[in-house]
Amino acid sequence: MKFANEKVSGIQIAYIGGGSMYWAKNLIADLALDDQLSGTIRLYDLDYHKAKNNEKLGNSVADYPEAKSKWTYKAYPTLQEALSGCDFVFISILPGTFREMESDVHEPEKYGIYQAVGDTTGPGGLVRALRTIPMYVEIAQAIERFSPDAWVFNYTNPMTLCTRTLFEVFPKIKALGCCHEIFGTQGLLIRMLRDMEGIEGVHRDEVKVNVLGINHFTWVDQATYQNMDLIPMYRKFVDKYFESGFEHNKDAWMTNTYTAANRVKFDLFRRYGVIAAAGDRHLAEFMPPWYMKDAETVRAWKFGLTTVQSRVEKHAATELFYGKLLSGEEKLPLKASGEEEVRQLKGLIGLQRFVTNINVPNVGQMKNMPLGVVVETNAEFSANSLRPVYAGELPMEVNNLVLRHAMNQELILKAALQKDKGLAFHAFVNDPLVNMDVNQAEVLFDQMLRNTKAYLPGWNI
């Protein structure tokens, strides 16, 4: 990397999963819109042809008049070539196909277990983790061998277990898990300020929050705007909109399966007195089936169950648009994605210091959680340094909810590394959504493993 006039050039970023049609577009746009950074994105994907597509798309953006910087995109056929000599590594992969995802999400429905997402916890999240962890073992080993000093950004779900695996395999890795869920809660608080106090023009950075928990089951126990304590206002806000819900667009949850009316979030605040910071679809999956007992209960709480078929249809539409981008029929819109990878890069490079939420092993930043488990709290980014901010502790009743999942994730990791079906089943039945007869649970578990056995070599299935 070369530093000159508050700009840095020659940055080398390896992107594992570089054939993506989703996150890659955001990355290309975000980098092009920043005038302080430039360098090379080394694209690696199991599907080399898709990585070559992003090479073409990424390089075409440099010619856009609105592009503020020039990045070179290059696809590499091997992980070694992509990683060797890089400064940063981004990991964003899809562990499996829609076939495996179909089983993750919908096989449990035959037994009355509903999941809104199925990629983090619950039966689907567990099985997805079992097939993802071996991939992350290989990635961690490659990073240790070819780029041990690089900073590693993980974006893949299940976020906690993917990040935890990196540290388990390569303890000295400089890795962090990145998620935008807290940004959504800050956005809700901004809309609350407008609705309750008529305050306009608030930027997300002005809403300061203290973050505690694990990914997709995070909590906020302090929130301020210009030294104004937002928790009392949030309590009134929740009371005002508890029954109707509160959305960007009224009743959007009825037609958009990826959104919700925040009623689960509001209910958890009423019960525990701290702000549940993830979206309703994720939050509901960490709890007993209070919110997902059946489809009617889900509708009453005003969120949707994201079907795999809806993902298939979304993928088809994305493929169509992507084809137009590659042919030149369409231009990639250069607009900020709302993610923070550019700011995080600048922080670690040394261009600025700032604080945001990330997922890293607990070294004491979260009290009453075991050391070493991956937790989500704020952290300060500065030159080649990432320091977790002390977050304190959750109320005991909430901490117990989080702790159950954190320890179950440790059990899942152990089961995956040892290829131990018995340990994996213990983790399966310990999940609060698996509220069923143990013999039926074993039948469901065996079937889900058989449905994903292509990704579980060496398992006794």
Protein backbone atom coordinates (compact mmCIF):
# COMPACT_ATOMS: atom_id res chain seq x y z
CA MET A 1 0.00 0.00 0.00
CA LYS A 2 1.15 3.53 -0.77
CA PHE A 3 0.10 6.59 1.26
CA ALA A 4 0.02 10.07 -0.29
CA ASN A 5 -2.12 13.17 0.35
CA GLU A 6 -4.64 11.37 2.58
CA LYS A 7 -5.11 8.71 -0.11
CA VAL A 8 -4.01 5.08 -0.19
CA SER A 9 -3.32 3.15 -3.39
CA GLY A 10 -2.13 -0.35 -4.14
CA ILE A 11 -4.51 -2.02 -1.65
CA GLN A 12 -4.79 -5.76 -2.28
CA ILE A 13 -8.12 -7.36 -1.31
CA ALA A 14 -8.88 -11.07 -1.79
CA TYR A 15 -12.59 -11.74 -2.18
CA ILE A 16 -13.55 -15.35 -1.46
CA GLY A 17 -16.95 -15.93 -3.03
CA GLY A 18 -16.02 -13.40 -5.70
CA GLY A 19 -18.54 -14.79 -8.18
CA SER A 20 -21.43 -13.43 -6.14
CA MET A 21 -24.24 -11.60 -7.92
CA TYR A 22 -25.41 -9.93 -4.69
CA TRP A 23 -22.80 -8.64 -2.26
CA ALA A 24 -20.25 -8.12 -5.05
CA LYS A 25 -22.39 -5.42 -6.69
CA ASN A 26 -22.55 -3.52 -3.39
CA LEU A 27 -18.80 -3.79 -2.90
CA ILE A 28 -18.04 -2.59 -6.44
CA ALA A 29 -20.30 0.44 -5.99
CA ASP A 30 -19.09 1.32 -2.48
CA LEU A 31 -15.44 1.23 -3.50
CA ALA A 32 -16.04 3.26 -6.66
CA LEU A 33 -17.78 6.00 -4.65
CA ASP A 34 -14.81 6.60 -2.33
CA ASP A 35 -11.96 8.81 -3.49
CA GLN A 36 -9.38 7.88 -0.85
CA LEU A 37 -8.81 4.20 -1.64
CA SER A 38 -7.73 2.28 -4.73
CA GLY A 39 -6.10 -1.04 -5.55
CA THR A 40 -6.93 -4.54 -6.73
CA ILE A 41 -9.78 -6.89 -5.89
CA ARG A 42 -8.66 -10.50 -6.31
CA LEU A 43 -11.74 -12.56 -7.06
CA TYR A 44 -11.83 -16.23 -6.13
CA ASP A 45 -14.83 -18.51 -6.51
CA LEU A 46 -15.38 -22.24 -6.91
CA ASP A 47 -17.14 -21.19 -10.13
CA TYR A 48 -14.26 -19.45 -11.92
CA HIS A 49 -16.56 -18.31 -14.74
CA LYS A 50 -18.67 -16.30 -12.28
CA ALA A 51 -15.54 -14.69 -10.85
CA LYS A 52 -14.57 -13.71 -14.40
CA ASN A 53 -18.00 -12.10 -14.80
CA ASN A 54 -17.33 -9.89 -11.78
CA GLU A 55 -13.90 -9.10 -13.15
CA LYS A 56 -15.61 -7.72 -16.25
CA LEU A 57 -18.29 -5.87 -14.29
CA GLY A 58 -15.89 -4.39 -11.74
CA ASN A 59 -13.44 -3.14 -14.35
CA SER A 60 -16.24 -1.56 -16.40
CA VAL A 61 -17.25 0.65 -13.47
CA ALA A 62 -13.89 2.46 -13.54
CA ASP A 63 -15.06 4.19 -16.72
CA TYR A 64 -18.24 5.57 -15.17
CA PRO A 65 -18.03 9.38 -14.92
CA GLU A 66 -19.41 9.23 -11.36
CA ALA A 67 -16.70 6.79 -10.19
CA LYS A 68 -14.33 8.56 -7.80
CA SER A 69 -11.60 5.92 -7.74
CA LYS A 70 -10.16 3.22 -9.95
CA TRP A 71 -10.02 -0.38 -8.78
CA THR A 72 -8.71 -3.29 -10.81
CA TYR A 73 -10.68 -6.54 -10.61
CA LYS A 74 -8.95 -9.82 -11.44
CA ALA A 75 -10.24 -13.38 -11.14
CA TYR A 76 -7.87 -16.09 -9.90
CA PRO A 77 -8.33 -19.85 -10.40
CA THR A 78 -6.80 -20.85 -7.04
CA LEU A 79 -7.20 -19.69 -3.47
CA GLN A 80 -3.42 -19.54 -3.08
CA GLU A 81 -3.06 -17.06 -5.94
CA ALA A 82 -5.88 -14.89 -4.62
CA LEU A 83 -4.58 -14.80 -1.05
CA SER A 84 -0.82 -14.50 -1.51
CA GLY A 85 0.33 -10.97 -0.70
CA CYS A 86 -3.12 -9.54 0.05
CA ASP A 87 -3.78 -6.94 2.75
CA PHE A 88 -7.43 -7.81 3.37
CA VAL A 89 -9.72 -10.79 2.82
CA PHE A 90 -13.48 -10.58 2.33
CA ILE A 91 -15.48 -13.82 2.67
CA SER A 92 -19.05 -13.98 1.40
CA ILE A 93 -20.10 -17.44 0.25
CA LEU A 94 -23.30 -19.47 -0.10
CA PRO A 95 -22.82 -22.86 1.62
CA GLY A 96 -24.89 -25.16 -0.56
CA THR A 97 -27.64 -24.80 -3.13
CA PHE A 98 -31.34 -24.01 -3.01
CA ARG A 99 -31.91 -27.76 -2.69
CA GLU A 100 -30.15 -27.87 0.68
CA MET A 101 -31.76 -24.59 1.71
CA GLU A 102 -35.17 -26.08 0.88
CA SER A 103 -34.52 -28.81 3.42
CA ASP A 104 -33.12 -26.39 6.02
CA VAL A 105 -36.21 -24.20 5.95
CA HIS A 106 -39.10 -26.44 4.99
CA GLU A 107 -38.35 -29.97 6.21
CA PRO A 108 -39.01 -28.89 9.85
CA GLU A 109 -42.40 -27.49 8.81
CA LYS A 110 -43.62 -31.08 8.37
CA TYR A 111 -43.23 -31.35 12.14
CA GLY A 112 -44.75 -27.97 13.00
CA ILE A 113 -41.44 -26.09 13.32
CA TYR A 114 -41.46 -22.81 11.44
CA GLN A 115 -38.43 -20.65 10.63
CA ALA A 116 -38.49 -17.16 9.17
CA VAL A 117 -34.95 -17.28 7.72
CA GLY A 118 -33.28 -20.58 8.60
CA ASP A 119 -29.65 -19.48 8.21
CA THR A 120 -28.49 -18.71 11.76
CA THR A 121 -30.21 -20.79 14.44
CA GLY A 122 -33.04 -23.30 14.67
CA PRO A 123 -32.86 -26.64 12.82
CA GLY A 124 -31.97 -24.94 9.53
CA GLY A 125 -29.24 -22.79 11.00
CA LEU A 126 -27.64 -25.81 12.66
CA VAL A 127 -27.55 -27.93 9.50
CA ARG A 128 -26.32 -24.99 7.45
CA ALA A 129 -23.53 -24.57 10.01
CA LEU A 130 -22.53 -28.23 9.72
CA ARG A 131 -21.90 -27.89 6.00
CA THR A 132 -20.33 -24.41 6.27
CA ILE A 133 -17.79 -25.05 9.04
CA PRO A 134 -15.66 -27.47 6.94
CA MET A 135 -15.45 -24.80 4.23
CA TYR A 136 -14.26 -22.27 6.80
CA VAL A 137 -11.70 -24.73 8.14
CA GLU A 138 -10.15 -24.84 4.65
CA ILE A 139 -10.34 -21.05 4.28
CA ALA A 140 -8.71 -20.46 7.67
CA GLN A 141 -5.92 -22.90 6.86
CA ALA A 142 -5.31 -21.16 3.53
CA ILE A 143 -5.22 -17.72 5.16
CA GLU A 144 -2.76 -18.95 7.79
CA ARG A 145 -0.52 -20.32 5.03
CA PHE A 146 -0.73 -17.62 2.38
CA SER A 147 -1.80 -14.35 4.05
CA PRO A 148 -1.41 -14.66 7.83
CA ASP A 149 -1.17 -10.90 8.42
CA ALA A 150 -4.26 -9.92 6.42
CA TRP A 151 -7.37 -8.54 8.07
CA VAL A 152 -10.30 -10.88 7.37
CA PHE A 153 -13.90 -9.67 7.02
CA ASN A 154 -16.59 -12.36 7.25
CA TYR A 155 -20.07 -11.75 5.84
CA THR A 156 -21.37 -15.34 5.64
CA ASN A 157 -24.13 -16.77 7.84
CA PRO A 158 -24.25 -18.34 10.31
CA MET A 159 -22.09 -15.34 11.16
CA THR A 160 -21.07 -16.35 14.68
CA LEU A 161 -20.03 -19.89 13.83
CA CYS A 162 -18.21 -18.92 10.64
CA THR A 163 -16.19 -16.32 12.52
CA ARG A 164 -15.66 -18.67 15.47
CA THR A 165 -14.30 -21.36 13.12
CA LEU A 166 -11.70 -18.98 11.70
CA PHE A 167 -10.32 -18.34 15.19
CA GLU A 168 -10.52 -21.99 16.23
CA VAL A 169 -8.40 -23.09 13.25
CA PHE A 170 -6.05 -20.08 13.15
CA PRO A 171 -6.04 -18.48 16.64
CA LYS A 172 -3.84 -15.55 15.55
CA ILE A 173 -6.08 -14.59 12.65
CA LYS A 174 -7.12 -10.93 12.48
CA ALA A 175 -10.77 -11.56 11.68
CA LEU A 176 -14.10 -9.87 12.31
CA GLY A 177 -17.69 -10.69 11.47
CA CYS A 178 -19.71 -7.86 9.89
CA CYS A 179 -23.50 -7.43 10.02
CA HIS A 180 -25.81 -4.48 9.35
CA GLU A 181 -28.57 -5.39 11.81
CA ILE A 182 -27.66 -2.64 14.29
CA PHE A 183 -27.90 -0.06 11.49
CA GLY A 184 -31.56 -1.00 11.09
CA THR A 185 -32.23 -0.36 14.77
CA GLN A 186 -30.46 2.99 14.60
CA GLY A 187 -32.67 3.78 11.60
CA LEU A 188 -35.76 2.87 13.63
CA LEU A 189 -34.63 5.21 16.41
CA ILE A 190 -34.18 7.99 13.85
CA ARG A 191 -37.73 7.45 12.63
CA MET A 192 -38.88 7.42 16.26
CA LEU A 193 -37.27 10.84 16.81
CA ARG A 194 -39.15 12.18 13.82
CA ASP A 195 -42.45 10.61 14.87
CA MET A 196 -42.33 11.42 18.57
CA GLU A 197 -40.43 14.72 18.64
CA GLY A 198 -40.51 16.06 15.08
CA ILE A 199 -36.71 15.94 14.89
CA GLU A 200 -35.58 15.73 11.26
CA GLY A 201 -32.27 15.13 9.52
CA VAL A 202 -30.65 12.84 12.07
CA HIS A 203 -27.73 10.80 10.69
CA ARG A 204 -27.13 7.26 11.91
CA ASP A 205 -23.72 8.19 13.34
CA GLU A 206 -25.48 10.62 15.70
CA VAL A 207 -27.46 7.80 17.33
CA LYS A 208 -25.05 6.23 19.80
CA VAL A 209 -25.87 2.72 20.99
CA ASN A 210 -24.28 0.17 23.30
CA VAL A 211 -24.41 -3.26 21.70
CA LEU A 212 -24.40 -6.64 23.48
CA GLY A 213 -25.22 -10.16 22.35
CA ILE A 214 -24.52 -12.59 19.54
CA ASN A 215 -25.20 -12.03 15.86
CA HIS A 216 -28.90 -11.74 15.01
CA PHE A 217 -29.68 -11.90 18.74
CA THR A 218 -28.16 -8.56 19.72
CA TRP A 219 -29.49 -6.08 22.25
CA VAL A 220 -29.12 -2.37 22.96
CA ASP A 221 -29.26 -1.26 26.60
CA GLN A 222 -28.17 2.36 26.00
CA ALA A 223 -29.15 4.68 23.17
CA THR A 224 -28.59 8.43 22.97
CA TYR A 225 -28.96 11.31 20.54
CA GLN A 226 -27.13 14.54 21.46
CA ASN A 227 -27.00 13.37 25.10
CA MET A 228 -30.75 12.63 25.03
CA ASP A 229 -31.53 9.24 26.58
CA LEU A 230 -33.68 7.46 23.99
CA ILE A 231 -34.80 4.51 26.12
CA PRO A 232 -37.70 6.35 27.87
CA MET A 233 -38.86 7.69 24.50
CA TYR A 234 -38.60 4.21 23.00
CA ARG A 235 -40.85 2.88 25.76
CA LYS A 236 -43.56 5.40 24.77
CA PHE A 237 -42.94 4.66 21.11
CA VAL A 238 -43.44 0.93 21.72
CA ASP A 239 -46.68 1.57 23.60
CA LYS A 240 -47.93 3.79 20.76
CA TYR A 241 -47.25 1.26 18.00
CA PHE A 242 -47.33 -2.10 19.78
CA GLU A 243 -50.60 -3.25 18.22
CA SER A 244 -50.28 -1.70 14.78
CA GLY A 245 -46.55 -2.09 14.33
CA PHE A 246 -44.29 0.53 12.78
CA GLU A 247 -42.88 0.34 9.25
CA HIS A 248 -41.36 2.44 6.47
CA ASN A 249 -44.46 1.69 4.42
CA LYS A 250 -47.69 0.58 6.08
CA ASP A 251 -48.37 -3.16 5.77
CA ALA A 252 -45.24 -3.72 3.70
CA TRP A 253 -44.73 -6.97 5.63
CA MET A 254 -47.77 -8.41 3.85
CA THR A 255 -46.13 -8.26 0.41
CA ASN A 256 -42.40 -8.19 1.23
CA THR A 257 -41.27 -11.34 2.99
CA TYR A 258 -37.96 -9.72 3.95
CA THR A 259 -39.51 -7.02 6.14
CA ALA A 260 -41.57 -6.83 9.33
CA ALA A 261 -43.64 -4.42 11.43
CA ASN A 262 -41.30 -4.60 14.47
CA ARG A 263 -43.94 -6.12 16.72
CA VAL A 264 -41.60 -8.91 17.88
CA LYS A 265 -38.96 -6.30 18.68
CA PHE A 266 -41.55 -4.28 20.62
CA ASP A 267 -42.81 -7.32 22.52
CA LEU A 268 -39.30 -8.28 23.61
CA PHE A 269 -38.71 -4.73 24.86
CA ARG A 270 -41.89 -4.89 26.94
CA ARG A 271 -40.80 -8.20 28.44
CA TYR A 272 -37.14 -7.42 29.14
CA GLY A 273 -36.67 -3.63 29.11
CA VAL A 274 -33.80 -3.60 26.57
CA ILE A 275 -34.03 -3.08 22.82
CA ALA A 276 -33.81 -6.24 20.74
CA ALA A 277 -31.66 -4.98 17.89
CA ALA A 278 -32.05 -7.52 15.08
CA GLY A 279 -34.99 -7.77 12.71
CA ASP A 280 -38.13 -9.61 13.78
CA ARG A 281 -37.49 -12.53 11.41
CA HIS A 282 -34.19 -13.30 13.10
CA LEU A 283 -35.28 -12.52 16.65
CA ALA A 284 -38.26 -14.88 16.49
CA GLU A 285 -35.97 -17.80 15.65
CA PHE A 286 -33.92 -17.47 18.84
CA MET A 287 -36.96 -17.67 21.10
CA PRO A 288 -39.28 -20.58 21.90
CA PRO A 289 -42.11 -20.77 19.33
CA TRP A 290 -43.94 -17.80 20.86
CA TYR A 291 -43.96 -15.97 17.55
CA MET A 292 -43.87 -18.90 15.12
CA LYS A 293 -46.18 -21.54 16.59
CA ASP A 294 -47.94 -21.68 13.25
CA ALA A 295 -48.51 -19.55 10.15
CA GLU A 296 -51.44 -17.74 11.78
CA THR A 297 -49.31 -16.73 14.76
CA VAL A 298 -46.63 -15.38 12.41
CA ARG A 299 -49.22 -13.21 10.64
CA ALA A 300 -50.50 -11.92 13.96
CA TRP A 301 -46.99 -10.66 14.73
CA LYS A 302 -46.83 -9.03 11.29
CA PHE A 303 -43.80 -10.60 9.67
CA GLY A 304 -43.31 -13.25 7.04
CA LEU A 305 -41.71 -16.64 6.61
CA THR A 306 -39.19 -16.26 3.79
CA THR A 307 -39.75 -19.29 1.58
CA VAL A 308 -37.00 -20.84 -0.49
CA GLN A 309 -39.22 -20.45 -3.55
CA SER A 310 -39.20 -16.69 -3.03
CA ARG A 311 -35.41 -16.84 -2.95
CA VAL A 312 -35.38 -18.87 -6.17
CA GLU A 313 -37.55 -16.23 -7.85
CA LYS A 314 -35.35 -13.42 -6.52
CA HIS A 315 -32.27 -15.24 -7.80
CA ALA A 316 -33.79 -15.61 -11.26
CA ALA A 317 -34.57 -11.89 -11.41
CA THR A 318 -31.04 -11.08 -10.25
CA GLU A 319 -29.56 -13.36 -12.92
CA LEU A 320 -31.60 -11.56 -15.57
CA PHE A 321 -30.45 -8.13 -14.37
CA TYR A 322 -26.87 -9.34 -14.03
CA GLY A 323 -26.87 -10.53 -17.61
CA LYS A 324 -27.90 -7.05 -18.71
CA LEU A 325 -25.07 -5.55 -16.67
CA LEU A 326 -22.52 -7.81 -18.32
CA SER A 327 -23.87 -7.14 -21.82
CA GLY A 328 -23.84 -3.39 -21.25
CA GLU A 329 -27.61 -3.13 -21.67
CA GLU A 330 -27.83 -1.84 -18.10
CA LYS A 331 -25.41 0.15 -15.93
CA LEU A 332 -24.65 -0.76 -12.35
CA PRO A 333 -26.21 1.99 -10.20
CA LEU A 334 -23.45 3.62 -8.18
CA LYS A 335 -25.18 4.19 -4.88
CA ALA A 336 -23.97 3.52 -1.35
CA SER A 337 -25.11 0.15 -0.02
CA GLY A 338 -25.28 1.24 3.62
CA GLU A 339 -22.63 -1.31 4.59
CA GLU A 340 -19.49 -0.15 6.38
CA GLU A 341 -16.71 -2.09 4.69
CA VAL A 342 -15.12 1.07 3.24
CA ARG A 343 -15.09 2.86 6.61
CA GLN A 344 -13.70 -0.26 8.24
CA LEU A 345 -10.95 -0.45 5.64
CA LYS A 346 -10.08 3.19 6.22
CA GLY A 347 -9.99 2.62 9.95
CA LEU A 348 -7.63 -0.34 9.76
CA ILE A 349 -5.47 1.41 7.15
CA GLY A 350 -5.16 4.40 9.50
CA LEU A 351 -7.11 7.10 7.67
CA GLN A 352 -9.66 7.52 10.45
CA ARG A 353 -10.79 6.18 13.81
CA PHE A 354 -14.36 5.17 14.38
CA VAL A 355 -16.59 2.81 16.36
CA THR A 356 -19.11 0.31 15.02
CA ASN A 357 -20.52 -3.11 15.88
CA ILE A 358 -18.62 -6.28 14.95
CA ASN A 359 -18.38 -9.96 15.89
CA VAL A 360 -15.15 -11.17 17.54
CA PRO A 361 -14.22 -13.55 20.38
CA ASN A 362 -15.05 -12.34 23.86
CA VAL A 363 -11.94 -11.10 25.66
CA GLY A 364 -13.94 -9.46 28.43
CA GLN A 365 -15.93 -6.88 26.45
CA MET A 366 -19.14 -8.69 27.37
CA LYS A 367 -19.54 -9.66 31.00
CA ASN A 368 -21.18 -12.94 32.04
CA MET A 369 -20.33 -14.61 28.72
CA PRO A 370 -17.53 -17.19 28.42
CA LEU A 371 -14.20 -15.98 27.12
CA GLY A 372 -13.54 -17.07 23.56
CA VAL A 373 -17.14 -17.30 22.35
CA VAL A 374 -17.87 -14.89 19.52
CA VAL A 375 -20.01 -11.98 20.68
CA GLU A 376 -21.30 -8.86 18.98
CA THR A 377 -20.38 -5.53 20.57
CA ASN A 378 -18.97 -2.21 19.47
CA ALA A 379 -15.28 -1.95 18.63
CA GLU A 380 -12.89 0.86 17.76
CA PHE A 381 -11.11 0.76 14.40
CA SER A 382 -7.73 2.46 14.11
CA ALA A 383 -4.43 1.90 12.30
CA ASN A 384 -3.93 -1.89 12.10
CA SER A 385 -5.90 -2.18 15.33
CA LEU A 386 -9.33 -3.41 16.33
CA ARG A 387 -10.24 -2.98 19.99
CA PRO A 388 -13.56 -4.21 21.38
CA VAL A 389 -15.39 -1.63 23.48
CA TYR A 390 -16.43 -2.77 26.95
CA ALA A 391 -20.17 -3.34 26.69
CA GLY A 392 -21.00 -4.45 30.22
CA GLU A 393 -23.67 -7.05 30.86
CA LEU A 394 -27.22 -7.83 29.85
CA PRO A 395 -29.97 -8.27 32.44
CA MET A 396 -29.66 -11.80 33.78
CA GLU A 397 -32.92 -12.97 32.20
CA VAL A 398 -31.73 -11.81 28.76
CA ASN A 399 -28.16 -13.01 29.28
CA ASN A 400 -29.50 -16.49 29.97
CA LEU A 401 -31.32 -16.48 26.63
CA VAL A 402 -28.16 -15.42 24.80
CA LEU A 403 -25.90 -17.76 26.78
CA ARG A 404 -27.99 -20.79 25.84
CA HIS A 405 -27.41 -20.10 22.17
CA ALA A 406 -23.74 -19.20 22.60
CA MET A 407 -23.02 -22.50 24.32
CA ASN A 408 -25.07 -24.42 21.79
CA GLN A 409 -22.98 -22.82 19.04
CA GLU A 410 -19.85 -24.11 20.78
CA LEU A 411 -21.39 -27.59 20.75
CA ILE A 412 -22.23 -27.30 17.05
CA LEU A 413 -18.64 -26.28 16.29
CA LYS A 414 -17.29 -29.26 18.23
CA ALA A 415 -19.70 -31.62 16.46
CA ALA A 416 -18.72 -30.28 13.04
CA LEU A 417 -14.98 -30.48 13.68
CA GLN A 418 -15.24 -34.02 15.08
CA LYS A 419 -17.93 -35.12 12.60
CA ASP A 420 -19.88 -36.36 15.59
CA LYS A 421 -23.54 -36.99 14.82
CA GLY A 422 -24.41 -37.58 18.48
CA LEU A 423 -23.08 -34.18 19.56
CA ALA A 424 -24.85 -32.52 16.67
CA PHE A 425 -28.14 -34.10 17.72
CA HIS A 426 -27.70 -32.89 21.30
CA ALA A 427 -27.31 -29.36 19.92
CA PHE A 428 -30.32 -29.91 17.67
CA VAL A 429 -32.73 -30.79 20.50
CA ASN A 430 -31.29 -28.07 22.75
CA ASP A 431 -32.53 -25.38 20.35
CA PRO A 432 -35.68 -23.69 21.74
CA LEU A 433 -37.51 -24.02 18.41
CA VAL A 434 -37.19 -27.81 18.51
CA ASN A 435 -40.10 -28.11 20.91
CA MET A 436 -41.13 -31.68 20.05
CA ASP A 437 -40.96 -35.34 21.03
CA VAL A 438 -37.32 -36.44 21.11
CA ASN A 439 -37.99 -39.48 18.91
CA GLN A 440 -39.64 -37.32 16.27
CA ALA A 441 -36.74 -34.89 16.57
CA GLU A 442 -34.33 -37.71 15.77
CA VAL A 443 -36.31 -38.63 12.65
CA LEU A 444 -36.30 -35.01 11.48
CA PHE A 445 -32.61 -34.59 12.26
CA ASP A 446 -31.63 -37.75 10.35
CA GLN A 447 -33.64 -36.67 7.33
CA MET A 448 -32.12 -33.18 7.30
CA LEU A 449 -28.62 -34.66 7.47
CA ARG A 450 -29.39 -37.04 4.60
CA ASN A 451 -30.63 -34.09 2.56
CA THR A 452 -27.28 -32.31 2.96
CA LYS A 453 -24.95 -35.33 3.11
CA ALA A 454 -23.09 -34.27 -0.05
CA TYR A 455 -21.55 -31.53 2.11
CA LEU A 456 -20.77 -33.81 5.06
CA PRO A 457 -18.01 -36.19 3.89
CA GLY A 458 -16.81 -38.53 6.61
CA TRP A 459 -20.05 -38.38 8.59
CA ASN A 460 -21.86 -41.60 9.49
CA ILE A 461 -25.16 -40.75 7.78
